[in-house]
PDB file of N, CA and C in Angstrom:
ATOM      1  N   MET A   1     113.665 129.419 -64.404  1.00  0.00           N
ATOM      2  CA  MET A   1     113.298 130.510 -63.828  1.00  0.00           C
ATOM      3  C   MET A   1     111.746 130.225 -63.962  1.00  0.00           C
ATOM      4  N   GLU A   2     111.432 129.734 -62.217  1.00  0.00           N
ATOM      5  CA  GLU A   2     110.038 129.144 -62.024  1.00  0.00           C
ATOM      6  C   GLU A   2     109.293 130.471 -61.983  1.00  0.00           C
ATOM      7  N   PRO A   3     107.775 130.055 -62.848  1.00  0.00           N
ATOM      8  CA  PRO A   3     106.923 130.908 -62.981  1.00  0.00           C
ATOM      9  C   PRO A   3     106.055 131.937 -61.416  1.00  0.00           C
ATOM     10  N   SER A   4     105.772 130.308 -60.638  1.00  0.00           N
ATOM     11  CA  SER A   4     105.762 130.818 -59.102  1.00  0.00           C
ATOM     12  C   SER A   4     106.066 132.161 -58.365  1.00  0.00           C
ATOM     13  N   ARG A   5     107.326 132.274 -59.188  1.00  0.00           N
ATOM     14  CA  ARG A   5     108.469 133.657 -58.496  1.00  0.00           C
ATOM     15  C   ARG A   5     107.871 134.876 -58.865  1.00  0.00           C
ATOM     16  N   PHE A   6     106.938 135.056 -59.807  1.00  0.00           N
ATOM     17  CA  PHE A   6     106.098 135.799 -60.423  1.00  0.00           C
ATOM     18  C   PHE A   6     105.381 136.788 -59.795  1.00  0.00           C
ATOM     19  N   ALA A   7     104.462 135.898 -59.103  1.00  0.00           N
ATOM     20  CA  ALA A   7     103.384 135.765 -58.181  1.00  0.00           C
ATOM     21  C   ALA A   7     103.056 137.009 -57.630  1.00  0.00           C
ATOM     22  N   CYS A   8     101.936 137.283 -57.617  1.00  0.00           N
ATOM     23  CA  CYS A   8     101.121 138.544 -57.306  1.00  0.00           C
ATOM     24  C   CYS A   8     101.184 138.449 -55.207  1.00  0.00           C
ATOM     25  N   ARG A   9     101.616 139.323 -54.867  1.00  0.00           N
ATOM     26  CA  ARG A   9     101.512 139.289 -53.251  1.00  0.00           C
ATOM     27  C   ARG A   9     100.734 138.965 -52.827  1.00  0.00           C
ATOM     28  N   HIS A  10      99.623 139.678 -53.396  1.00  0.00           N
ATOM     29  CA  HIS A  10      98.522 140.164 -52.880  1.00  0.00           C
ATOM     30  C   HIS A  10      97.625 138.631 -53.155  1.00  0.00           C
ATOM     31  N   CYS A  11      96.961 138.549 -53.895  1.00  0.00           N
ATOM     32  CA  CYS A  11      96.523 137.086 -54.510  1.00  0.00           C
ATOM     33  C   CYS A  11      97.075 136.167 -54.816  1.00  0.00           C
ATOM     34  N   GLY A  12      98.380 135.834 -54.649  1.00  0.00           N
ATOM     35  CA  GLY A  12      98.822 134.646 -55.378  1.00  0.00           C
ATOM     36  C   GLY A  12      98.928 134.401 -56.634  1.00  0.00           C
ATOM     37  N   ASP A  13      97.714 134.919 -57.533  1.00  0.00           N
ATOM     38  CA  ASP A  13      97.955 134.892 -59.717  1.00  0.00           C
ATOM     39  C   ASP A  13      99.298 134.605 -59.160  1.00  0.00           C
ATOM     40  N   VAL A  14      99.613 134.115 -60.881  1.00  0.00           N
ATOM     41  CA  VAL A  14     100.871 134.473 -61.402  1.00  0.00           C
ATOM     42  C   VAL A  14     100.297 134.354 -63.018  1.00  0.00           C
ATOM     43  N   VAL A  15     100.801 135.864 -63.580  1.00  0.00           N
ATOM     44  CA  VAL A  15     100.484 136.043 -65.083  1.00  0.00           C
ATOM     45  C   VAL A  15     101.979 136.546 -65.610  1.00  0.00           C
ATOM     46  N   ILE A  16     102.274 136.207 -66.330  1.00  0.00           N
ATOM     47  CA  ILE A  16     103.486 136.183 -66.708  1.00  0.00           C
ATOM     48  C   ILE A  16     103.629 136.093 -68.735  1.00  0.00           C
ATOM     49  N   ASP A  17     104.320 137.225 -68.704  1.00  0.00           N
ATOM     50  CA  ASP A  17     103.927 136.957 -70.482  1.00  0.00           C
ATOM     51  C   ASP A  17     105.698 135.844 -70.728  1.00  0.00           C
ATOM     52  N   ARG A  18     105.123 135.347 -72.053  1.00  0.00           N
ATOM     53  CA  ARG A  18     106.400 134.353 -72.287  1.00  0.00           C
ATOM     54  C   ARG A  18     107.834 135.146 -72.839  1.00  0.00           C
ATOM     55  N   ARG A  19     107.538 136.136 -73.346  1.00  0.00           N
ATOM     56  CA  ARG A  19     108.200 137.030 -73.890  1.00  0.00           C
ATOM     57  C   ARG A  19     109.590 137.907 -72.845  1.00  0.00           C
ATOM     58  N   LEU A  20     108.865 138.419 -71.926  1.00  0.00           N
ATOM     59  CA  LEU A  20     109.311 138.472 -70.650  1.00  0.00           C
ATOM     60  C   LEU A  20     110.103 137.277 -69.918  1.00  0.00           C
ATOM     61  N   LEU A  21     109.608 136.214 -69.827  1.00  0.00           N
ATOM     62  CA  LEU A  21     110.953 135.047 -69.085  1.00  0.00           C
ATOM     63  C   LEU A  21     111.186 135.105 -70.334  1.00  0.00           C
ATOM     64  N   ASP A  22     111.362 135.045 -71.726  1.00  0.00           N
ATOM     65  CA  ASP A  22     112.823 134.718 -72.035  1.00  0.00           C
ATOM     66  C   ASP A  22     113.805 135.864 -71.892  1.00  0.00           C
ATOM     67  N   ALA A  23     112.941 136.843 -72.452  1.00  0.00           N
ATOM     68  CA  ALA A  23     114.020 137.850 -72.231  1.00  0.00           C
ATOM     69  C   ALA A  23     114.874 137.991 -70.798  1.00  0.00           C
ATOM     70  N   LEU A  24     114.049 137.831 -69.881  1.00  0.00           N
ATOM     71  CA  LEU A  24     114.727 137.385 -68.010  1.00  0.00           C
ATOM     72  C   LEU A  24     115.740 136.412 -68.316  1.00  0.00           C
ATOM     73  N   LEU A  25     115.268 135.116 -68.632  1.00  0.00           N
ATOM     74  CA  LEU A  25     116.551 134.144 -68.362  1.00  0.00           C
ATOM     75  C   LEU A  25     117.798 133.964 -69.797  1.00  0.00           C
ATOM     76  N   ALA A  26     117.695 135.325 -71.198  1.00  0.00           N
ATOM     77  CA  ALA A  26     119.049 135.760 -71.390  1.00  0.00           C
ATOM     78  C   ALA A  26     119.587 136.658 -70.483  1.00  0.00           C
ATOM     79  N   LEU A  27     118.919 137.373 -70.114  1.00  0.00           N
ATOM     80  CA  LEU A  27     119.532 138.561 -68.791  1.00  0.00           C
ATOM     81  C   LEU A  27     120.744 136.993 -67.987  1.00  0.00           C
ATOM     82  N   GLN A  28     119.866 136.175 -67.102  1.00  0.00           N
ATOM     83  CA  GLN A  28     120.450 135.556 -66.696  1.00  0.00           C
ATOM     84  C   GLN A  28     121.327 134.981 -66.821  1.00  0.00           C
ATOM     85  N   GLY A  29     121.694 134.616 -68.637  1.00  0.00           N
ATOM     86  CA  GLY A  29     122.665 133.808 -68.830  1.00  0.00           C
ATOM     87  C   GLY A  29     123.900 134.836 -69.030  1.00  0.00           C
ATOM     88  N   LYS A  30     123.646 135.910 -69.540  1.00  0.00           N
ATOM     89  CA  LYS A  30     124.291 136.984 -69.749  1.00  0.00           C
ATOM     90  C   LYS A  30     125.277 137.566 -68.330  1.00  0.00           C
ATOM     91  N   VAL A  31     124.698 137.817 -67.778  1.00  0.00           N
ATOM     92  CA  VAL A  31     125.430 138.074 -66.506  1.00  0.00           C
ATOM     93  C   VAL A  31     125.904 136.389 -64.903  1.00  0.00           C
ATOM     94  N   GLY A  32     125.178 135.529 -65.572  1.00  0.00           N
ATOM     95  CA  GLY A  32     125.938 134.777 -65.194  1.00  0.00           C
ATOM     96  C   GLY A  32     125.141 134.445 -63.377  1.00  0.00           C
ATOM     97  N   ARG A  33     124.677 134.767 -63.362  1.00  0.00           N
ATOM     98  CA  ARG A  33     124.285 134.338 -61.647  1.00  0.00           C
ATOM     99  C   ARG A  33     122.866 134.683 -62.068  1.00  0.00           C
ATOM    100  N   PRO A  34     121.760 134.127 -60.366  1.00  0.00           N
ATOM    101  CA  PRO A  34     120.361 134.176 -60.629  1.00  0.00           C
ATOM    102  C   PRO A  34     120.040 135.505 -60.542  1.00  0.00           C
ATOM    103  N   LEU A  35     118.239 135.631 -61.039  1.00  0.00           N
ATOM    104  CA  LEU A  35     117.614 136.955 -61.143  1.00  0.00           C
ATOM    105  C   LEU A  35     116.983 136.853 -59.426  1.00  0.00           C
ATOM    106  N   VAL A  36     116.852 137.798 -59.050  1.00  0.00           N
ATOM    107  CA  VAL A  36     116.257 137.404 -57.982  1.00  0.00           C
ATOM    108  C   VAL A  36     115.008 138.651 -58.331  1.00  0.00           C
ATOM    109  N   ILE A  37     113.842 138.242 -58.261  1.00  0.00           N
ATOM    110  CA  ILE A  37     112.299 138.822 -58.924  1.00  0.00           C
ATOM    111  C   ILE A  37     111.724 139.424 -57.655  1.00  0.00           C
ATOM    112  N   LEU A  38     112.324 140.762 -57.507  1.00  0.00           N
ATOM    113  CA  LEU A  38     111.661 141.275 -56.340  1.00  0.00           C
ATOM    114  C   LEU A  38     110.258 141.542 -56.563  1.00  0.00           C
ATOM    115  N   SER A  39     109.424 142.089 -57.807  1.00  0.00           N
ATOM    116  CA  SER A  39     107.847 142.289 -58.410  1.00  0.00           C
ATOM    117  C   SER A  39     107.839 141.879 -59.262  1.00  0.00           C
ATOM    118  N   GLY A  40     106.641 140.477 -59.879  1.00  0.00           N
ATOM    119  CA  GLY A  40     106.376 140.418 -60.846  1.00  0.00           C
ATOM    120  C   GLY A  40     105.128 140.594 -61.077  1.00  0.00           C
ATOM    121  N   TYR A  41     104.549 139.694 -61.242  1.00  0.00           N
ATOM    122  CA  TYR A  41     103.153 139.839 -61.375  1.00  0.00           C
ATOM    123  C   TYR A  41     102.301 140.470 -60.451  1.00  0.00           C
ATOM    124  N   ARG A  42     101.004 141.740 -60.958  1.00  0.00           N
ATOM    125  CA  ARG A  42     100.803 142.342 -59.743  1.00  0.00           C
ATOM    126  C   ARG A  42      98.791 142.537 -59.839  1.00  0.00           C
ATOM    127  N   CYS A  43      98.176 142.445 -58.999  1.00  0.00           N
ATOM    128  CA  CYS A  43      96.681 141.864 -59.377  1.00  0.00           C
ATOM    129  C   CYS A  43      96.689 143.840 -58.879  1.00  0.00           C
ATOM    130  N   PRO A  44      95.686 144.089 -59.890  1.00  0.00           N
ATOM    131  CA  PRO A  44      95.142 146.009 -60.126  1.00  0.00           C
ATOM    132  C   PRO A  44      94.699 146.236 -58.648  1.00  0.00           C
ATOM    133  N   PRO A  45      94.371 145.730 -57.451  1.00  0.00           N
ATOM    134  CA  PRO A  45      94.006 146.438 -56.243  1.00  0.00           C
ATOM    135  C   PRO A  45      95.388 145.868 -55.274  1.00  0.00           C
ATOM    136  N   HIS A  46      96.371 145.344 -55.735  1.00  0.00           N
ATOM    137  CA  HIS A  46      97.544 145.553 -55.164  1.00  0.00           C
ATOM    138  C   HIS A  46      98.409 146.417 -55.685  1.00  0.00           C
ATOM    139  N   ASN A  47      98.325 146.670 -57.553  1.00  0.00           N
ATOM    140  CA  ASN A  47      99.581 147.422 -57.220  1.00  0.00           C
ATOM    141  C   ASN A  47      99.109 149.033 -57.112  1.00  0.00           C
ATOM    142  N   ARG A  48      97.296 148.894 -56.606  1.00  0.00           N
ATOM    143  CA  ARG A  48      96.943 150.189 -56.421  1.00  0.00           C
ATOM    144  C   ARG A  48      97.365 150.672 -54.639  1.00  0.00           C
ATOM    145  N   ASP A  49      97.622 149.327 -54.198  1.00  0.00           N
ATOM    146  CA  ASP A  49      97.816 149.657 -52.788  1.00  0.00           C
ATOM    147  C   ASP A  49      99.042 149.942 -52.455  1.00  0.00           C
ATOM    148  N   ILE A  50      99.931 149.779 -53.142  1.00  0.00           N
ATOM    149  CA  ILE A  50     101.550 150.174 -53.333  1.00  0.00           C
ATOM    150  C   ILE A  50     101.885 150.824 -53.639  1.00  0.00           C
ATOM    151  N   GLY A  51     100.967 152.004 -54.637  1.00  0.00           N
ATOM    152  CA  GLY A  51     100.922 153.258 -55.652  1.00  0.00           C
ATOM    153  C   GLY A  51     101.549 153.269 -56.541  1.00  0.00           C
ATOM    154  N   GLY A  52     101.452 151.477 -57.187  1.00  0.00           N
ATOM    155  CA  GLY A  52     102.086 152.157 -58.158  1.00  0.00           C
ATOM    156  C   GLY A  52     101.169 152.812 -60.091  1.00  0.00           C
ATOM    157  N   GLU A  53     101.480 152.640 -60.732  1.00  0.00           N
ATOM    158  CA  GLU A  53     100.673 153.386 -61.828  1.00  0.00           C
ATOM    159  C   GLU A  53     100.090 152.948 -62.440  1.00  0.00           C
ATOM    160  N   LEU A  54      99.162 153.550 -62.839  1.00  0.00           N
ATOM    161  CA  LEU A  54      97.554 152.726 -63.265  1.00  0.00           C
ATOM    162  C   LEU A  54      97.938 152.348 -64.352  1.00  0.00           C
ATOM    163  N   ARG A  55      98.410 152.405 -65.292  1.00  0.00           N
ATOM    164  CA  ARG A  55      98.829 151.514 -66.403  1.00  0.00           C
ATOM    165  C   ARG A  55      99.763 150.666 -66.486  1.00  0.00           C
ATOM    166  N   SER A  56     100.501 150.453 -65.139  1.00  0.00           N
ATOM    167  CA  SER A  56     101.586 149.728 -65.175  1.00  0.00           C
ATOM    168  C   SER A  56     102.329 148.216 -65.896  1.00  0.00           C
ATOM    169  N   TYR A  57     103.465 147.905 -66.396  1.00  0.00           N
ATOM    170  CA  TYR A  57     103.158 146.875 -66.791  1.00  0.00           C
ATOM    171  C   TYR A  57     103.067 145.004 -66.651  1.00  0.00           C
ATOM    172  N   HIS A  58     103.056 145.443 -65.040  1.00  0.00           N
ATOM    173  CA  HIS A  58     103.325 144.862 -63.633  1.00  0.00           C
ATOM    174  C   HIS A  58     101.886 143.953 -63.768  1.00  0.00           C
ATOM    175  N   THR A  59     101.051 144.596 -63.892  1.00  0.00           N
ATOM    176  CA  THR A  59      99.463 144.307 -64.585  1.00  0.00           C
ATOM    177  C   THR A  59      99.558 143.719 -65.073  1.00  0.00           C
ATOM    178  N   LYS A  60     100.003 143.568 -66.301  1.00  0.00           N
ATOM    179  CA  LYS A  60     100.075 142.363 -67.946  1.00  0.00           C
ATOM    180  C   LYS A  60     100.928 141.166 -67.761  1.00  0.00           C
ATOM    181  N   GLY A  61     101.433 141.061 -66.297  1.00  0.00           N
ATOM    182  CA  GLY A  61     102.755 140.571 -66.201  1.00  0.00           C
ATOM    183  C   GLY A  61     103.548 140.546 -67.870  1.00  0.00           C
ATOM    184  N   GLN A  62     103.894 141.638 -67.981  1.00  0.00           N
ATOM    185  CA  GLN A  62     104.753 142.362 -68.734  1.00  0.00           C
ATOM    186  C   GLN A  62     105.917 143.349 -68.577  1.00  0.00           C
ATOM    187  N   ALA A  63     106.271 143.097 -66.908  1.00  0.00           N
ATOM    188  CA  ALA A  63     107.283 143.639 -65.911  1.00  0.00           C
ATOM    189  C   ALA A  63     107.975 142.803 -65.168  1.00  0.00           C
ATOM    190  N   ALA A  64     109.421 143.205 -64.476  1.00  0.00           N
ATOM    191  CA  ALA A  64     109.707 143.013 -63.588  1.00  0.00           C
ATOM    192  C   ALA A  64     110.863 143.246 -62.690  1.00  0.00           C
ATOM    193  N   ASP A  65     110.511 143.784 -61.590  1.00  0.00           N
ATOM    194  CA  ASP A  65     111.856 144.504 -61.037  1.00  0.00           C
ATOM    195  C   ASP A  65     112.466 142.959 -59.787  1.00  0.00           C
ATOM    196  N   ILE A  66     113.965 143.731 -60.308  1.00  0.00           N
ATOM    197  CA  ILE A  66     114.885 142.756 -59.918  1.00  0.00           C
ATOM    198  C   ILE A  66     116.164 142.831 -59.622  1.00  0.00           C
ATOM    199  N   ARG A  67     116.725 142.293 -59.357  1.00  0.00           N
ATOM    200  CA  ARG A  67     118.128 142.446 -58.439  1.00  0.00           C
ATOM    201  C   ARG A  67     119.273 141.546 -58.828  1.00  0.00           C
ATOM    202  N   ALA A  68     120.317 141.025 -59.561  1.00  0.00           N
ATOM    203  CA  ALA A  68     121.575 139.722 -59.382  1.00  0.00           C
ATOM    204  C   ALA A  68     122.397 139.823 -58.076  1.00  0.00           C
ATOM    205  N   PRO A  69     122.482 139.288 -56.889  1.00  0.00           N
ATOM    206  CA  PRO A  69     123.018 139.198 -56.079  1.00  0.00           C
ATOM    207  C   PRO A  69     124.517 138.950 -56.772  1.00  0.00           C
ATOM    208  N   GLY A  70     125.324 139.645 -56.024  1.00  0.00           N
ATOM    209  CA  GLY A  70     127.131 140.136 -56.735  1.00  0.00           C
ATOM    210  C   GLY A  70     127.295 140.792 -58.208  1.00  0.00           C
ATOM    211  N   VAL A  71     126.260 141.054 -58.749  1.00  0.00           N
ATOM    212  CA  VAL A  71     125.912 141.982 -59.665  1.00  0.00           C
ATOM    213  C   VAL A  71     126.025 142.908 -59.588  1.00  0.00           C
ATOM    214  N   PRO A  72     126.777 144.628 -59.402  1.00  0.00           N
ATOM    215  CA  PRO A  72     127.106 145.869 -59.672  1.00  0.00           C
ATOM    216  C   PRO A  72     125.370 146.356 -60.635  1.00  0.00           C
ATOM    217  N   ILE A  73     124.625 147.346 -59.352  1.00  0.00           N
ATOM    218  CA  ILE A  73     123.135 147.104 -60.211  1.00  0.00           C
ATOM    219  C   ILE A  73     123.396 148.162 -61.962  1.00  0.00           C
ATOM    220  N   MET A  74     124.656 148.639 -61.829  1.00  0.00           N
ATOM    221  CA  MET A  74     125.039 149.016 -62.977  1.00  0.00           C
ATOM    222  C   MET A  74     125.574 148.525 -64.459  1.00  0.00           C
ATOM    223  N   ALA A  75     126.228 147.328 -64.047  1.00  0.00           N
ATOM    224  CA  ALA A  75     126.562 146.511 -64.778  1.00  0.00           C
ATOM    225  C   ALA A  75     125.164 144.922 -65.262  1.00  0.00           C
ATOM    226  N   LEU A  76     124.303 145.170 -63.970  1.00  0.00           N
ATOM    227  CA  LEU A  76     122.967 144.869 -64.271  1.00  0.00           C
ATOM    228  C   LEU A  76     122.013 145.769 -65.974  1.00  0.00           C
ATOM    229  N   PHE A  77     122.222 146.434 -65.738  1.00  0.00           N
ATOM    230  CA  PHE A  77     121.431 148.008 -66.418  1.00  0.00           C
ATOM    231  C   PHE A  77     122.460 147.521 -67.944  1.00  0.00           C
ATOM    232  N   GLN A  78     123.791 147.923 -67.844  1.00  0.00           N
ATOM    233  CA  GLN A  78     124.263 147.735 -69.133  1.00  0.00           C
ATOM    234  C   GLN A  78     123.571 146.019 -69.816  1.00  0.00           C
ATOM    235  N   ALA A  79     123.794 144.644 -69.368  1.00  0.00           N
ATOM    236  CA  ALA A  79     123.469 143.673 -69.429  1.00  0.00           C
ATOM    237  C   ALA A  79     122.057 144.294 -70.263  1.00  0.00           C
ATOM    238  N   ALA A  80     121.643 144.402 -69.510  1.00  0.00           N
ATOM    239  CA  ALA A  80     120.250 144.395 -69.804  1.00  0.00           C
ATOM    240  C   ALA A  80     119.717 144.913 -71.310  1.00  0.00           C
ATOM    241  N   LEU A  81     120.649 146.194 -71.399  1.00  0.00           N
ATOM    242  CA  LEU A  81     120.471 146.837 -72.211  1.00  0.00           C
ATOM    243  C   LEU A  81     120.905 146.437 -73.844  1.00  0.00           C
ATOM    244  N   GLU A  82     121.616 144.730 -73.553  1.00  0.00           N
ATOM    245  CA  GLU A  82     122.173 144.264 -74.355  1.00  0.00           C
ATOM    246  C   GLU A  82     120.638 143.011 -75.190  1.00  0.00           C
ATOM    247  N   ILE A  83     120.192 143.335 -74.345  1.00  0.00           N
ATOM    248  CA  ILE A  83     118.440 142.210 -74.616  1.00  0.00           C
ATOM    249  C   ILE A  83     117.630 142.661 -75.583  1.00  0.00           C
ATOM    250  N   PRO A  84     117.334 141.904 -76.743  1.00  0.00           N
ATOM    251  CA  PRO A  84     116.594 143.258 -77.284  1.00  0.00           C
ATOM    252  C   PRO A  84     115.340 143.378 -76.552  1.00  0.00           C
ATOM    253  N   ALA A  85     114.531 142.185 -75.892  1.00  0.00           N
ATOM    254  CA  ALA A  85     113.471 143.270 -75.634  1.00  0.00           C
ATOM    255  C   ALA A  85     113.350 144.169 -74.759  1.00  0.00           C
ATOM    256  N   PHE A  86     114.966 144.211 -73.760  1.00  0.00           N
ATOM    257  CA  PHE A  86     114.098 145.639 -72.834  1.00  0.00           C
ATOM    258  C   PHE A  86     115.003 146.483 -73.669  1.00  0.00           C
ATOM    259  N   ARG A  87     115.913 146.225 -74.914  1.00  0.00           N
ATOM    260  CA  ARG A  87     116.402 147.925 -75.446  1.00  0.00           C
ATOM    261  C   ARG A  87     115.429 148.308 -76.031  1.00  0.00           C
ATOM    262  N   GLY A  88     113.894 147.383 -76.670  1.00  0.00           N
ATOM    263  CA  GLY A  88     113.231 148.296 -76.976  1.00  0.00           C
ATOM    264  C   GLY A  88     112.193 148.438 -76.179  1.00  0.00           C
ATOM    265  N   GLY A  89     112.422 147.989 -74.485  1.00  0.00           N
ATOM    266  CA  GLY A  89     111.706 148.346 -73.640  1.00  0.00           C
ATOM    267  C   GLY A  89     111.737 149.508 -72.659  1.00  0.00           C
ATOM    268  N   GLY A  90     110.902 149.179 -71.569  1.00  0.00           N
ATOM    269  CA  GLY A  90     110.989 149.803 -70.502  1.00  0.00           C
ATOM    270  C   GLY A  90     111.762 149.321 -69.920  1.00  0.00           C
ATOM    271  N   ILE A  91     113.037 150.186 -69.277  1.00  0.00           N
ATOM    272  CA  ILE A  91     114.266 149.865 -68.382  1.00  0.00           C
ATOM    273  C   ILE A  91     114.428 151.291 -67.207  1.00  0.00           C
ATOM    274  N   GLY A  92     113.961 151.116 -65.818  1.00  0.00           N
ATOM    275  CA  GLY A  92     113.968 151.724 -64.892  1.00  0.00           C
ATOM    276  C   GLY A  92     115.005 151.302 -64.029  1.00  0.00           C
ATOM    277  N   LEU A  93     116.505 152.167 -63.573  1.00  0.00           N
ATOM    278  CA  LEU A  93     116.900 152.360 -62.817  1.00  0.00           C
ATOM    279  C   LEU A  93     116.949 152.585 -61.455  1.00  0.00           C
ATOM    280  N   TYR A  94     116.743 152.065 -60.480  1.00  0.00           N
ATOM    281  CA  TYR A  94     116.280 152.502 -59.334  1.00  0.00           C
ATOM    282  C   TYR A  94     117.923 152.593 -58.246  1.00  0.00           C
ATOM    283  N   LEU A  95     118.215 153.697 -58.288  1.00  0.00           N
ATOM    284  CA  LEU A  95     120.191 153.638 -57.604  1.00  0.00           C
ATOM    285  C   LEU A  95     119.362 153.710 -55.748  1.00  0.00           C
ATOM    286  N   ASN A  96     117.910 154.241 -55.893  1.00  0.00           N
ATOM    287  CA  ASN A  96     117.505 154.603 -54.156  1.00  0.00           C
ATOM    288  C   ASN A  96     117.734 153.549 -53.412  1.00  0.00           C
ATOM    289  N   ARG A  97     117.544 151.866 -54.565  1.00  0.00           N
ATOM    290  CA  ARG A  97     117.090 150.926 -53.869  1.00  0.00           C
ATOM    291  C   ARG A  97     118.096 149.480 -54.211  1.00  0.00           C
ATOM    292  N   LYS A  98     118.378 149.774 -55.086  1.00  0.00           N
ATOM    293  CA  LYS A  98     119.252 149.154 -56.253  1.00  0.00           C
ATOM    294  C   LYS A  98     118.945 148.139 -56.793  1.00  0.00           C
ATOM    295  N   PHE A  99     117.747 148.012 -57.681  1.00  0.00           N
ATOM    296  CA  PHE A  99     117.282 147.444 -58.730  1.00  0.00           C
ATOM    297  C   PHE A  99     116.487 148.020 -59.565  1.00  0.00           C
ATOM    298  N   LEU A 100     116.387 147.060 -60.907  1.00  0.00           N
ATOM    299  CA  LEU A 100     115.732 147.224 -62.036  1.00  0.00           C
ATOM    300  C   LEU A 100     114.919 147.235 -62.496  1.00  0.00           C
ATOM    301  N   HIS A 101     113.685 147.956 -62.652  1.00  0.00           N
ATOM    302  CA  HIS A 101     112.320 147.571 -63.447  1.00  0.00           C
ATOM    303  C   HIS A 101     112.949 147.113 -65.325  1.00  0.00           C
ATOM    304  N   LEU A 102     112.543 146.005 -65.070  1.00  0.00           N
ATOM    305  CA  LEU A 102     112.379 145.949 -66.646  1.00  0.00           C
ATOM    306  C   LEU A 102     111.350 145.369 -66.917  1.00  0.00           C
ATOM    307  N   ASP A 103     110.468 145.736 -68.323  1.00  0.00           N
ATOM    308  CA  ASP A 103     109.638 145.473 -68.653  1.00  0.00           C
ATOM    309  C   ASP A 103     109.600 145.496 -70.657  1.00  0.00           C
ATOM    310  N   ILE A 104     108.206 145.155 -71.541  1.00  0.00           N
ATOM    311  CA  ILE A 104     108.576 144.567 -72.788  1.00  0.00           C
ATOM    312  C   ILE A 104     107.311 145.248 -73.490  1.00  0.00           C
ATOM    313  N   ARG A 105     106.872 146.397 -73.326  1.00  0.00           N
ATOM    314  CA  ARG A 105     106.480 147.836 -73.707  1.00  0.00           C
ATOM    315  C   ARG A 105     106.891 147.990 -75.157  1.00  0.00           C
ATOM    316  N   PRO A 106     105.939 148.145 -75.957  1.00  0.00           N
ATOM    317  CA  PRO A 106     106.480 148.290 -77.364  1.00  0.00           C
ATOM    318  C   PRO A 106     106.766 149.611 -77.614  1.00  0.00           C
ATOM    319  N   GLN A 107     107.729 150.195 -77.009  1.00  0.00           N
ATOM    320  CA  GLN A 107     108.534 151.569 -77.183  1.00  0.00           C
ATOM    321  C   GLN A 107     109.670 151.965 -76.002  1.00  0.00           C
ATOM    322  N   ARG A 108     110.703 152.107 -76.291  1.00  0.00           N
ATOM    323  CA  ARG A 108     111.947 152.381 -75.749  1.00  0.00           C
ATOM    324  C   ARG A 108     111.479 153.587 -74.831  1.00  0.00           C
ATOM    325  N   PHE A 109     111.638 153.436 -73.111  1.00  0.00           N
ATOM    326  CA  PHE A 109     111.314 154.551 -72.737  1.00  0.00           C
ATOM    327  C   PHE A 109     112.282 153.910 -71.169  1.00  0.00           C
ATOM    328  N   ARG A 110     113.433 154.919 -70.842  1.00  0.00           N
ATOM    329  CA  ARG A 110     113.877 154.765 -69.850  1.00  0.00           C
ATOM    330  C   ARG A 110     113.950 155.728 -68.592  1.00  0.00           C
ATOM    331  N   TRP A 111     114.410 155.661 -67.301  1.00  0.00           N
ATOM    332  CA  TRP A 111     114.218 156.534 -66.291  1.00  0.00           C
ATOM    333  C   TRP A 111     114.971 155.904 -65.336  1.00  0.00           C
ATOM    334  N   ILE A 112     115.808 157.207 -64.510  1.00  0.00           N
ATOM    335  CA  ILE A 112     116.523 156.525 -63.381  1.00  0.00           C
ATOM    336  C   ILE A 112     115.604 157.184 -62.040  1.00  0.00           C
ATOM    337  N   VAL A 113     115.828 156.825 -60.709  1.00  0.00           N
ATOM    338  CA  VAL A 113     115.391 157.052 -59.233  1.00  0.00           C
ATOM    339  C   VAL A 113     116.608 157.027 -59.098  1.00  0.00           C
ATOM    340  N   PRO A 114     117.120 158.713 -58.041  1.00  0.00           N
ATOM    341  CA  PRO A 114     118.560 158.405 -57.801  1.00  0.00           C
ATOM    342  C   PRO A 114     118.818 157.978 -56.171  1.00  0.00           C
ATOM    343  N   PRO A 115     119.367 157.729 -55.655  1.00  0.00           N
ATOM    344  CA  PRO A 115     119.574 157.674 -54.316  1.00  0.00           C
ATOM    345  C   PRO A 115     119.365 158.400 -53.283  1.00  0.00           C
ATOM    346  N   ARG A 116     118.673 158.099 -52.052  1.00  0.00           N
ATOM    347  CA  ARG A 116     117.861 159.173 -51.475  1.00  0.00           C
ATOM    348  C   ARG A 116     119.379 160.129 -50.483  1.00  0.00           C
ATOM    349  N   ASN A 117     120.292 159.493 -50.582  1.00  0.00           N
ATOM    350  CA  ASN A 117     121.678 160.614 -50.624  1.00  0.00           C
ATOM    351  C   ASN A 117     121.758 161.977 -51.384  1.00  0.00           C
ATOM    352  N   ALA A 118     121.106 161.691 -52.314  1.00  0.00           N
ATOM    353  CA  ALA A 118     122.226 162.530 -53.668  1.00  0.00           C
ATOM    354  C   ALA A 118     121.590 164.197 -53.654  1.00  0.00           C
ATOM    355  N   LEU A 119     122.089 164.759 -53.797  1.00  0.00           N
ATOM    356  CA  LEU A 119     122.721 166.315 -53.980  1.00  0.00           C
ATOM    357  C   LEU A 119     121.303 166.225 -54.917  1.00  0.00           C
ATOM    358  N   PRO A 120     120.747 167.823 -54.484  1.00  0.00           N
ATOM    359  CA  PRO A 120     120.063 168.091 -55.979  1.00  0.00           C
ATOM    360  C   PRO A 120     120.952 168.785 -57.096  1.00  0.00           C
ATOM    361  N   ASN A 121     120.342 168.375 -57.824  1.00  0.00           N
ATOM    362  CA  ASN A 121     121.008 168.963 -59.462  1.00  0.00           C
ATOM    363  C   ASN A 121     120.324 170.351 -59.480  1.00  0.00           C
ATOM    364  N   LYS A 122     121.758 170.352 -59.726  1.00  0.00           N
ATOM    365  CA  LYS A 122     121.440 172.250 -59.251  1.00  0.00           C
ATOM    366  C   LYS A 122     121.906 172.554 -61.681  1.00  0.00           C
ATOM    367  N   THR A 123     120.920 173.549 -61.527  1.00  0.00           N
ATOM    368  CA  THR A 123     120.981 174.530 -62.988  1.00  0.00           C
ATOM    369  C   THR A 123     122.081 175.571 -63.127  1.00  0.00           C
ATOM    370  N   HIS A 124     121.603 176.223 -62.036  1.00  0.00           N
ATOM    371  CA  HIS A 124     122.059 176.825 -61.895  1.00  0.00           C
ATOM    372  C   HIS A 124     122.735 178.032 -60.872  1.00  0.00           C
ATOM    373  N   SER A 125     123.701 178.733 -60.577  1.00  0.00           N
ATOM    374  CA  SER A 125     124.435 180.000 -59.795  1.00  0.00           C
ATOM    375  C   SER A 125     123.807 180.793 -59.585  1.00  0.00           C
ATOM    376  N   HIS A 126     124.031 181.053 -57.613  1.00  0.00           N
ATOM    377  CA  HIS A 126     123.864 182.561 -57.721  1.00  0.00           C
ATOM    378  C   HIS A 126     124.793 183.515 -57.614  1.00  0.00           C
TER     379      HIS A 126
END
């Protein structure tokens, strides 16, 4: 996996934490398909311009948004849970655009963005 795949789309800088790279390589081996890096490092101006989180792990070279062509998103999610760096870090499941956000933050954190056409979750009836 070439570090250039993690380059910021704004400035071209490449910053990647070796622990993230190692975890992504382990995930790629587990799913048996190449990973597509949709977003890797983001310089602070680029992160701001695209509406990224203020303290995004992308700005530290510790996060990547990925897909694996031919691998269903839920299978990719399950495989990521088996990689220690991701199991103990951040995993965001974006069902709306069918990609995973993976990061190596020091605490476990999960979130799901539902498909755009999903019905609202109703907790009570009238």
